Amino acid sequence: MSVFSRHERSVKTKEAPITYKSILVPVNGSEASLMAVEFACNLAKKSRGKVHVVHVIEVRRSLPLDADLVPEAQRGEDILSQAEMAAKRQDFEVEGDLLQARDAGHAIVDEAVERQADAIVVGVPFRRPFGDFEMGRVPSHVLKTAPCEVILLRMPAES
């Protein structure tokens, strides 16, 4: 709630602390996604919430959705293990799931809805193709369609 006064130039605010009981973090093994895990753990600690990490294997349309993709599944398990280690460094435990879907962005939003997530924390690398910042297809879809808060963490620019 904001309080305005005609006689004062400053704005006084009284805001309740933001609490997150359920946070979803999509991970892809990048430094940015691991930074998002650590950030989400710190947010959840403050409100005694839970963090759920997901890795989505995108399945080509030429294959059945439940295709047995052994190399991709193994890589996904390794990525989830990295996310669990990042959480342990923050003295926090996370739950992780490996999903198979046609589109990672849709799967992340669907998972957030299913888990009734209060927020999705997405790590975004610093990319500048053609001089402009580019966030990528998946984070863009999540930002546009998620029914909950979306927190984007962009990696710092490389010097």
C-alpha atoms as a PDB file:
ATOM      1  CA  MET A   1       0.000   0.000   0.000  1.00  0.00           C
ATOM      2  CA  SER A   2       1.326   3.451  -0.905  1.00  0.00           C
ATOM      3  CA  VAL A   3       0.492   6.572   1.079  1.00  0.00           C
ATOM      4  CA  PHE A   4       0.680   9.955  -0.649  1.00  0.00           C
ATOM      5  CA  SER A   5       0.607  13.358   1.016  1.00  0.00           C
ATOM      6  CA  ARG A   6       0.108  16.760  -0.598  1.00  0.00           C
ATOM      7  CA  HIS A   7       2.624  18.298   1.776  1.00  0.00           C
ATOM      8  CA  GLU A   8       5.416  15.785   1.382  1.00  0.00           C
ATOM      9  CA  ARG A   9       7.437  15.152  -1.718  1.00  0.00           C
ATOM     10  CA  SER A  10       8.379  11.604  -0.737  1.00  0.00           C
ATOM     11  CA  VAL A  11       6.166   8.558  -0.934  1.00  0.00           C
ATOM     12  CA  LYS A  12       5.777   6.390   2.131  1.00  0.00           C
ATOM     13  CA  THR A  13       5.120   2.747   1.484  1.00  0.00           C
ATOM     14  CA  LYS A  14       4.073  -0.077   3.720  1.00  0.00           C
ATOM     15  CA  GLU A  15       4.485  -3.329   1.897  1.00  0.00           C
ATOM     16  CA  ALA A  16       4.133  -6.830   3.188  1.00  0.00           C
ATOM     17  CA  PRO A  17       7.157  -9.001   2.478  1.00  0.00           C
ATOM     18  CA  ILE A  18       6.803 -11.091  -0.650  1.00  0.00           C
ATOM     19  CA  THR A  19       6.542 -14.775   0.178  1.00  0.00           C
ATOM     20  CA  TYR A  20       6.914 -17.701  -2.156  1.00  0.00           C
ATOM     21  CA  LYS A  21       5.661 -21.086  -0.992  1.00  0.00           C
ATOM     22  CA  SER A  22       6.356 -22.821  -4.300  1.00  0.00           C
ATOM     23  CA  ILE A  23       9.022 -21.804  -6.813  1.00  0.00           C
ATOM     24  CA  LEU A  24       9.693 -23.555 -10.113  1.00  0.00           C
ATOM     25  CA  VAL A  25      13.131 -23.308 -11.734  1.00  0.00           C
ATOM     26  CA  PRO A  26      13.745 -24.677 -15.241  1.00  0.00           C
ATOM     27  CA  VAL A  27      17.350 -25.809 -15.658  1.00  0.00           C
ATOM     28  CA  ASN A  28      19.402 -26.558 -18.753  1.00  0.00           C
ATOM     29  CA  GLY A  29      22.885 -26.935 -17.291  1.00  0.00           C
ATOM     30  CA  SER A  30      23.964 -23.378 -18.059  1.00  0.00           C
ATOM     31  CA  GLU A  31      25.639 -21.158 -15.506  1.00  0.00           C
ATOM     32  CA  ALA A  32      22.578 -18.896 -15.708  1.00  0.00           C
ATOM     33  CA  SER A  33      20.167 -21.692 -14.753  1.00  0.00           C
ATOM     34  CA  LEU A  34      22.332 -22.736 -11.799  1.00  0.00           C
ATOM     35  CA  MET A  35      22.419 -19.101 -10.666  1.00  0.00           C
ATOM     36  CA  ALA A  36      18.595 -19.174 -10.841  1.00  0.00           C
ATOM     37  CA  VAL A  37      18.524 -22.260  -8.585  1.00  0.00           C
ATOM     38  CA  GLU A  38      20.668 -20.518  -5.962  1.00  0.00           C
ATOM     39  CA  PHE A  39      18.528 -17.375  -6.159  1.00  0.00           C
ATOM     40  CA  ALA A  40      15.289 -19.379  -5.822  1.00  0.00           C
ATOM     41  CA  CYS A  41      16.651 -21.259  -2.811  1.00  0.00           C
ATOM     42  CA  ASN A  42      17.434 -17.977  -1.065  1.00  0.00           C
ATOM     43  CA  LEU A  43      13.930 -16.670  -1.822  1.00  0.00           C
ATOM     44  CA  ALA A  44      12.287 -19.872  -0.595  1.00  0.00           C
ATOM     45  CA  LYS A  45      14.362 -19.957   2.599  1.00  0.00           C
ATOM     46  CA  LYS A  46      12.967 -16.599   3.661  1.00  0.00           C
ATOM     47  CA  SER A  47       9.381 -17.827   3.408  1.00  0.00           C
ATOM     48  CA  ARG A  48       9.953 -21.508   4.201  1.00  0.00           C
ATOM     49  CA  GLY A  49       8.877 -22.403   0.686  1.00  0.00           C
ATOM     50  CA  LYS A  50       9.810 -25.217  -1.673  1.00  0.00           C
ATOM     51  CA  VAL A  51      11.849 -25.140  -4.846  1.00  0.00           C
ATOM     52  CA  HIS A  52      11.169 -27.547  -7.662  1.00  0.00           C
ATOM     53  CA  VAL A  53      13.657 -27.818 -10.540  1.00  0.00           C
ATOM     54  CA  VAL A  54      12.751 -29.230 -13.943  1.00  0.00           C
ATOM     55  CA  HIS A  55      14.713 -30.112 -17.022  1.00  0.00           C
ATOM     56  CA  VAL A  56      12.722 -30.475 -20.225  1.00  0.00           C
ATOM     57  CA  ILE A  57      13.807 -32.763 -23.037  1.00  0.00           C
ATOM     58  CA  GLU A  58      12.278 -31.460 -26.248  1.00  0.00           C
ATOM     59  CA  VAL A  59      11.109 -34.400 -28.372  1.00  0.00           C
ATOM     60  CA  ARG A  60      11.089 -33.982 -32.148  1.00  0.00           C
ATOM     61  CA  ARG A  61       7.712 -34.378 -33.838  1.00  0.00           C
ATOM     62  CA  SER A  62       9.039 -37.342 -35.820  1.00  0.00           C
ATOM     63  CA  LEU A  63       9.274 -39.335 -32.563  1.00  0.00           C
ATOM     64  CA  PRO A  64       6.551 -40.393 -30.142  1.00  0.00           C
ATOM     65  CA  LEU A  65       6.349 -38.119 -27.109  1.00  0.00           C
ATOM     66  CA  ASP A  66       7.282 -40.975 -24.778  1.00  0.00           C
ATOM     67  CA  ALA A  67      10.283 -42.051 -26.902  1.00  0.00           C
ATOM     68  CA  ASP A  68      13.144 -43.616 -24.969  1.00  0.00           C
ATOM     69  CA  LEU A  69      15.833 -40.952 -25.373  1.00  0.00           C
ATOM     70  CA  VAL A  70      18.652 -42.465 -23.336  1.00  0.00           C
ATOM     71  CA  PRO A  71      21.474 -39.963 -24.032  1.00  0.00           C
ATOM     72  CA  GLU A  72      19.154 -36.973 -23.503  1.00  0.00           C
ATOM     73  CA  ALA A  73      17.717 -38.516 -20.325  1.00  0.00           C
ATOM     74  CA  GLN A  74      21.216 -39.143 -18.938  1.00  0.00           C
ATOM     75  CA  ARG A  75      22.227 -35.558 -19.718  1.00  0.00           C
ATOM     76  CA  GLY A  76      19.011 -34.369 -18.057  1.00  0.00           C
ATOM     77  CA  GLU A  77      19.744 -36.398 -14.917  1.00  0.00           C
ATOM     78  CA  ASP A  78      23.245 -34.887 -14.819  1.00  0.00           C
ATOM     79  CA  ILE A  79      21.761 -31.386 -15.113  1.00  0.00           C
ATOM     80  CA  LEU A  80      19.303 -32.102 -12.282  1.00  0.00           C
ATOM     81  CA  SER A  81      22.221 -33.358 -10.151  1.00  0.00           C
ATOM     82  CA  GLN A  82      24.076 -30.091 -10.815  1.00  0.00           C
ATOM     83  CA  ALA A  83      20.971 -28.165  -9.728  1.00  0.00           C
ATOM     84  CA  GLU A  84      20.732 -30.219  -6.530  1.00  0.00           C
ATOM     85  CA  MET A  85      24.396 -29.453  -5.798  1.00  0.00           C
ATOM     86  CA  ALA A  86      23.790 -25.729  -6.378  1.00  0.00           C
ATOM     87  CA  ALA A  87      20.928 -25.919  -3.859  1.00  0.00           C
ATOM     88  CA  LYS A  88      23.106 -27.758  -1.339  1.00  0.00           C
ATOM     89  CA  ARG A  89      25.637 -24.922  -1.555  1.00  0.00           C
ATOM     90  CA  GLN A  90      22.788 -22.708  -0.327  1.00  0.00           C
ATOM     91  CA  ASP A  91      22.008 -25.238   2.425  1.00  0.00           C
ATOM     92  CA  PHE A  92      18.674 -26.063   0.788  1.00  0.00           C
ATOM     93  CA  GLU A  93      17.062 -29.159  -0.704  1.00  0.00           C
ATOM     94  CA  VAL A  94      15.159 -29.138  -3.973  1.00  0.00           C
ATOM     95  CA  GLU A  95      12.937 -31.627  -5.768  1.00  0.00           C
ATOM     96  CA  GLY A  96      13.709 -32.342  -9.400  1.00  0.00           C
ATOM     97  CA  ASP A  97      11.884 -33.783 -12.391  1.00  0.00           C
ATOM     98  CA  LEU A  98      12.839 -34.714 -15.905  1.00  0.00           C
ATOM     99  CA  LEU A  99      10.083 -33.929 -18.421  1.00  0.00           C
ATOM    100  CA  GLN A 100       9.651 -34.822 -22.084  1.00  0.00           C
ATOM    101  CA  ALA A 101       7.631 -32.432 -24.224  1.00  0.00           C
ATOM    102  CA  ARG A 102       7.375 -31.021 -27.724  1.00  0.00           C
ATOM    103  CA  ASP A 103       8.056 -27.504 -26.470  1.00  0.00           C
ATOM    104  CA  ALA A 104      10.017 -26.616 -23.329  1.00  0.00           C
ATOM    105  CA  GLY A 105       8.254 -23.289 -22.782  1.00  0.00           C
ATOM    106  CA  HIS A 106       4.804 -24.874 -22.778  1.00  0.00           C
ATOM    107  CA  ALA A 107       5.986 -27.688 -20.499  1.00  0.00           C
ATOM    108  CA  ILE A 108       7.432 -25.230 -17.970  1.00  0.00           C
ATOM    109  CA  VAL A 109       4.227 -23.184 -17.824  1.00  0.00           C
ATOM    110  CA  ASP A 110       2.106 -26.367 -17.555  1.00  0.00           C
ATOM    111  CA  GLU A 111       4.309 -27.610 -14.709  1.00  0.00           C
ATOM    112  CA  ALA A 112       3.972 -24.272 -12.907  1.00  0.00           C
ATOM    113  CA  VAL A 113       0.180 -24.505 -13.192  1.00  0.00           C
ATOM    114  CA  GLU A 114       0.132 -28.126 -12.015  1.00  0.00           C
ATOM    115  CA  ARG A 115       2.339 -27.330  -9.014  1.00  0.00           C
ATOM    116  CA  GLN A 116       0.502 -24.083  -8.273  1.00  0.00           C
ATOM    117  CA  ALA A 117       3.824 -22.253  -8.315  1.00  0.00           C
ATOM    118  CA  ASP A 118       3.916 -18.732  -6.910  1.00  0.00           C
ATOM    119  CA  ALA A 119       6.885 -17.903  -9.125  1.00  0.00           C
ATOM    120  CA  ILE A 120       9.115 -19.217 -11.882  1.00  0.00           C
ATOM    121  CA  VAL A 121      12.769 -18.190 -11.693  1.00  0.00           C
ATOM    122  CA  VAL A 122      14.518 -18.293 -15.070  1.00  0.00           C
ATOM    123  CA  GLY A 123      18.237 -17.778 -15.579  1.00  0.00           C
ATOM    124  CA  VAL A 124      19.108 -16.090 -18.864  1.00  0.00           C
ATOM    125  CA  PRO A 125      22.612 -15.876 -20.329  1.00  0.00           C
ATOM    126  CA  PHE A 126      23.893 -12.544 -21.599  1.00  0.00           C
ATOM    127  CA  ARG A 127      23.598 -12.813 -25.387  1.00  0.00           C
ATOM    128  CA  ARG A 128      23.895  -9.967 -27.824  1.00  0.00           C
ATOM    129  CA  PRO A 129      23.436 -11.200 -31.359  1.00  0.00           C
ATOM    130  CA  PHE A 130      23.536  -8.263 -33.746  1.00  0.00           C
ATOM    131  CA  GLY A 131      24.119  -5.852 -30.841  1.00  0.00           C
ATOM    132  CA  ASP A 132      20.744  -6.354 -29.102  1.00  0.00           C
ATOM    133  CA  PHE A 133      20.025  -8.387 -25.984  1.00  0.00           C
ATOM    134  CA  GLU A 134      18.301 -11.677 -26.847  1.00  0.00           C
ATOM    135  CA  MET A 135      16.589 -13.689 -24.124  1.00  0.00           C
ATOM    136  CA  GLY A 136      15.680 -16.742 -26.188  1.00  0.00           C
ATOM    137  CA  ARG A 137      12.531 -18.601 -27.192  1.00  0.00           C
ATOM    138  CA  VAL A 138      11.817 -20.496 -23.946  1.00  0.00           C
ATOM    139  CA  PRO A 139      12.232 -17.641 -21.421  1.00  0.00           C
ATOM    140  CA  SER A 140      10.216 -15.384 -23.715  1.00  0.00           C
ATOM    141  CA  HIS A 141       7.316 -17.878 -23.836  1.00  0.00           C
ATOM    142  CA  VAL A 142       7.379 -18.370 -20.059  1.00  0.00           C
ATOM    143  CA  LEU A 143       7.393 -14.610 -19.466  1.00  0.00           C
ATOM    144  CA  LYS A 144       4.437 -14.080 -21.812  1.00  0.00           C
ATOM    145  CA  THR A 145       2.206 -16.974 -20.726  1.00  0.00           C
ATOM    146  CA  ALA A 146       2.903 -17.984 -17.123  1.00  0.00           C
ATOM    147  CA  PRO A 147       0.010 -17.306 -14.731  1.00  0.00           C
ATOM    148  CA  CYS A 148       2.380 -16.616 -11.836  1.00  0.00           C
ATOM    149  CA  GLU A 149       5.249 -14.220 -11.227  1.00  0.00           C
ATOM    150  CA  VAL A 150       8.256 -14.743 -13.474  1.00  0.00           C
ATOM    151  CA  ILE A 151      11.653 -13.625 -12.229  1.00  0.00           C
ATOM    152  CA  LEU A 152      14.312 -13.347 -14.931  1.00  0.00           C
ATOM    153  CA  LEU A 153      17.935 -13.361 -13.829  1.00  0.00           C
ATOM    154  CA  ARG A 154      20.274 -12.248 -16.566  1.00  0.00           C
ATOM    155  CA  MET A 155      23.925 -13.133 -16.292  1.00  0.00           C
ATOM    156  CA  PRO A 156      26.249 -10.124 -16.178  1.00  0.00           C
ATOM    157  CA  ALA A 157      27.890  -9.041 -19.417  1.00  0.00           C
ATOM    158  CA  GLU A 158      31.257 -10.615 -20.027  1.00  0.00           C
ATOM    159  CA  SER A 159      34.070  -8.102 -19.987  1.00  0.00           C
END
